[in-house]
Amino acid sequence: MSNVAEFGAPAPIPGIDPNTMSIIVTKGSLDWAYPPFILATTAAAMGLKVSMFFTFYGLPLLMKDLNLQVSSLGNPAMKMPMMGLHMGMPNIVSAIPGVDAAASRMMKNLMKGKGVATIEELRELAVEAEVRMIACQMTMDLFEYSLHDMIDGPELGGAATYIEVATKSHINLFI
């Protein structure tokens, strides 16, 4: 049985800090908001320097007032625990008014019941952990947002800002 330690650590790559991670955040629904914030706060707690680049539909996750929803439309993997089973919802049901709101309430109640932190709490943890949050300037302009609409802390930057971060990061994630 081989041991990873016998191979030694990989050779460092010049200009890349092995303790860095960047995340492109592109989705802003309730279910897609969790992965980037959980990964960012966990990495920061493990001592990594983390940068998050919020663009397009991920940008609203930086808004002061969040009203996150989950949609079952096009997500066959979303099976909620109900009546002792894991039940999926046929896509056609998403066309009924109020279904997304009900699915969102169910998801929020499930997370609360399981003790999962809210996105607002995870976002606060990211700020406290000094995770660098970059709001995409082009997306801000496109959707007519201003920094006044956002929580305190994010900086403005564009694609070049993210590329500069990514080329120096050991881990790069697209979520």
Protein backbone atom coordinates (compact mmCIF):
# COMPACT_ATOMS: atom_id res chain seq x y z
CA MET A 1 0.00 0.00 0.00
CA SER A 2 1.53 3.31 -1.01
CA ASN A 3 1.55 6.37 1.13
CA VAL A 4 1.06 9.81 -0.44
CA ALA A 5 3.76 11.20 1.85
CA GLU A 6 6.41 9.00 0.21
CA PHE A 7 5.96 10.94 -3.03
CA GLY A 8 6.59 14.25 -1.31
CA ALA A 9 4.77 17.53 -1.77
CA PRO A 10 4.27 18.80 -5.31
CA ALA A 11 6.81 21.34 -6.44
CA PRO A 12 5.61 24.89 -5.82
CA ILE A 13 4.60 26.85 -8.90
CA PRO A 14 6.27 30.28 -9.03
CA GLY A 15 3.81 33.10 -8.43
CA ILE A 16 1.07 30.83 -7.04
CA ASP A 17 0.47 30.77 -3.31
CA PRO A 18 -0.65 27.25 -2.32
CA ASN A 19 -2.89 28.77 0.35
CA THR A 20 -5.20 30.67 -2.02
CA MET A 21 -8.58 30.01 -3.57
CA SER A 22 -10.79 31.95 -5.95
CA ILE A 23 -14.46 31.35 -6.66
CA ILE A 24 -16.56 32.74 -9.50
CA VAL A 25 -20.13 33.05 -8.18
CA THR A 26 -22.61 33.03 -11.06
CA LYS A 27 -25.90 31.85 -9.57
CA GLY A 28 -28.12 33.56 -7.03
CA SER A 29 -30.92 31.15 -6.18
CA LEU A 30 -31.24 29.80 -2.64
CA ASP A 31 -29.83 26.37 -3.47
CA TRP A 32 -26.94 27.75 -5.54
CA ALA A 33 -26.00 30.38 -2.94
CA TYR A 34 -24.82 27.80 -0.41
CA PRO A 35 -21.87 26.12 -2.19
CA PRO A 36 -19.73 29.24 -2.75
CA PHE A 37 -20.28 30.63 0.75
CA ILE A 38 -19.76 27.27 2.49
CA LEU A 39 -16.58 26.61 0.52
CA ALA A 40 -15.27 30.17 1.00
CA THR A 41 -15.87 30.27 4.75
CA THR A 42 -14.49 26.76 5.25
CA ALA A 43 -11.35 27.55 3.25
CA ALA A 44 -10.88 30.82 5.14
CA ALA A 45 -11.25 28.95 8.45
CA MET A 46 -8.54 26.56 7.24
CA GLY A 47 -6.19 29.49 6.65
CA LEU A 48 -6.59 30.01 2.91
CA LYS A 49 -6.79 33.47 1.41
CA VAL A 50 -10.12 33.43 -0.45
CA SER A 51 -11.48 35.72 -3.19
CA MET A 52 -15.03 35.56 -4.54
CA PHE A 53 -15.99 37.19 -7.85
CA PHE A 54 -19.75 37.81 -8.08
CA THR A 55 -21.00 38.15 -11.64
CA PHE A 56 -24.34 38.02 -13.46
CA TYR A 57 -26.95 36.18 -11.41
CA GLY A 58 -24.54 35.62 -8.53
CA LEU A 59 -24.17 39.38 -7.96
CA PRO A 60 -27.50 39.76 -6.09
CA LEU A 61 -26.03 37.61 -3.29
CA LEU A 62 -24.24 40.79 -2.23
CA MET A 63 -27.49 42.78 -1.96
CA LYS A 64 -28.41 44.14 1.46
CA ASP A 65 -31.87 42.64 1.24
CA LEU A 66 -31.95 39.02 0.12
CA ASN A 67 -35.14 37.31 -0.97
CA LEU A 68 -33.68 34.05 -2.18
CA GLN A 69 -35.92 31.52 -3.85
CA VAL A 70 -35.41 28.00 -5.09
CA SER A 71 -36.96 26.72 -8.29
CA SER A 72 -37.70 23.11 -8.96
CA LEU A 73 -37.92 23.83 -12.68
CA GLY A 74 -35.21 21.95 -14.53
CA ASN A 75 -33.74 20.50 -11.35
CA PRO A 76 -34.67 16.80 -11.26
CA ALA A 77 -32.09 16.19 -8.54
CA MET A 78 -34.10 18.29 -6.09
CA LYS A 79 -35.87 15.69 -4.01
CA MET A 80 -37.29 16.89 -0.72
CA PRO A 81 -37.76 14.58 2.27
CA MET A 82 -41.54 14.29 2.64
CA MET A 83 -43.67 11.62 4.29
CA GLY A 84 -40.65 9.41 4.88
CA LEU A 85 -39.60 9.47 1.22
CA HIS A 86 -37.48 11.66 -1.01
CA MET A 87 -39.96 13.06 -3.49
CA GLY A 88 -39.14 14.91 -6.68
CA MET A 89 -41.39 17.40 -8.34
CA PRO A 90 -42.34 17.09 -12.02
CA ASN A 91 -41.28 20.17 -14.02
CA ILE A 92 -44.86 20.87 -15.05
CA VAL A 93 -45.75 21.57 -11.41
CA SER A 94 -43.41 24.60 -11.48
CA ALA A 95 -45.88 26.32 -13.81
CA ILE A 96 -48.45 26.51 -11.00
CA PRO A 97 -48.35 29.92 -9.27
CA GLY A 98 -46.85 29.78 -5.81
CA VAL A 99 -44.99 26.49 -6.22
CA ASP A 100 -41.53 28.11 -6.17
CA ALA A 101 -42.49 30.10 -3.04
CA ALA A 102 -43.70 26.90 -1.37
CA ALA A 103 -40.54 25.01 -2.40
CA SER A 104 -38.45 27.89 -1.03
CA ARG A 105 -40.29 27.82 2.29
CA MET A 106 -39.84 24.06 2.49
CA MET A 107 -36.11 24.35 1.79
CA LYS A 108 -35.63 27.16 4.32
CA ASN A 109 -37.58 25.22 6.98
CA LEU A 110 -35.60 22.06 6.27
CA MET A 111 -32.29 23.94 6.62
CA LYS A 112 -33.43 25.70 9.78
CA GLY A 113 -34.58 22.39 11.27
CA LYS A 114 -31.19 20.83 10.48
CA GLY A 115 -29.29 23.79 11.95
CA VAL A 116 -27.83 24.96 8.63
CA ALA A 117 -26.68 28.59 8.69
CA THR A 118 -28.60 31.05 6.54
CA ILE A 119 -26.96 32.71 3.56
CA GLU A 120 -26.95 35.98 5.51
CA GLU A 121 -25.05 34.27 8.35
CA LEU A 122 -22.57 32.65 5.96
CA ARG A 123 -22.06 35.97 4.21
CA GLU A 124 -21.35 37.64 7.57
CA LEU A 125 -18.85 34.89 8.38
CA ALA A 126 -17.15 35.50 5.03
CA VAL A 127 -16.84 39.23 5.80
CA GLU A 128 -15.49 38.48 9.30
CA ALA A 129 -12.98 35.99 7.81
CA GLU A 130 -11.76 38.72 5.44
CA VAL A 131 -12.84 36.87 2.31
CA ARG A 132 -12.24 39.25 -0.56
CA MET A 133 -15.54 39.87 -2.35
CA ILE A 134 -15.42 41.44 -5.79
CA ALA A 135 -18.61 42.75 -7.44
CA CYS A 136 -18.41 42.62 -11.24
CA GLN A 137 -18.49 46.19 -12.51
CA MET A 138 -19.97 45.22 -15.89
CA THR A 139 -22.81 43.31 -14.20
CA MET A 140 -23.40 46.25 -11.84
CA ASP A 141 -23.75 48.53 -14.85
CA LEU A 142 -25.81 46.05 -16.87
CA PHE A 143 -28.41 45.49 -14.14
CA GLU A 144 -28.18 49.08 -12.83
CA TYR A 145 -27.00 48.24 -9.32
CA SER A 146 -24.87 50.52 -7.17
CA LEU A 147 -22.61 49.80 -4.22
CA HIS A 148 -25.32 51.46 -2.09
CA ASP A 149 -27.52 48.41 -2.86
CA MET A 150 -24.82 46.05 -1.57
CA ILE A 151 -23.60 45.01 1.86
CA ASP A 152 -20.50 46.76 3.17
CA GLY A 153 -17.24 45.28 2.01
CA PRO A 154 -17.35 44.27 -1.66
CA GLU A 155 -14.99 46.02 -4.02
CA LEU A 156 -15.66 46.72 -7.67
CA GLY A 157 -13.68 44.90 -10.33
CA GLY A 158 -13.99 43.47 -13.77
CA ALA A 159 -12.84 40.42 -15.65
CA ALA A 160 -9.23 41.62 -15.55
CA THR A 161 -9.42 41.85 -11.75
CA TYR A 162 -10.64 38.28 -11.52
CA ILE A 163 -8.08 36.98 -14.02
CA GLU A 164 -5.32 38.60 -11.97
CA VAL A 165 -6.65 36.84 -8.85
CA ALA A 166 -7.18 33.48 -10.61
CA THR A 167 -3.70 33.36 -12.13
CA LYS A 168 -2.23 33.65 -8.64
CA SER A 169 -4.64 31.23 -6.94
CA HIS A 170 -3.90 27.57 -6.28
CA ILE A 171 -7.58 26.59 -6.36
CA ASN A 172 -10.08 28.13 -8.82
CA LEU A 173 -13.78 27.20 -8.68
CA PHE A 174 -16.65 28.13 -10.98
CA ILE A 175 -20.01 27.89 -9.24
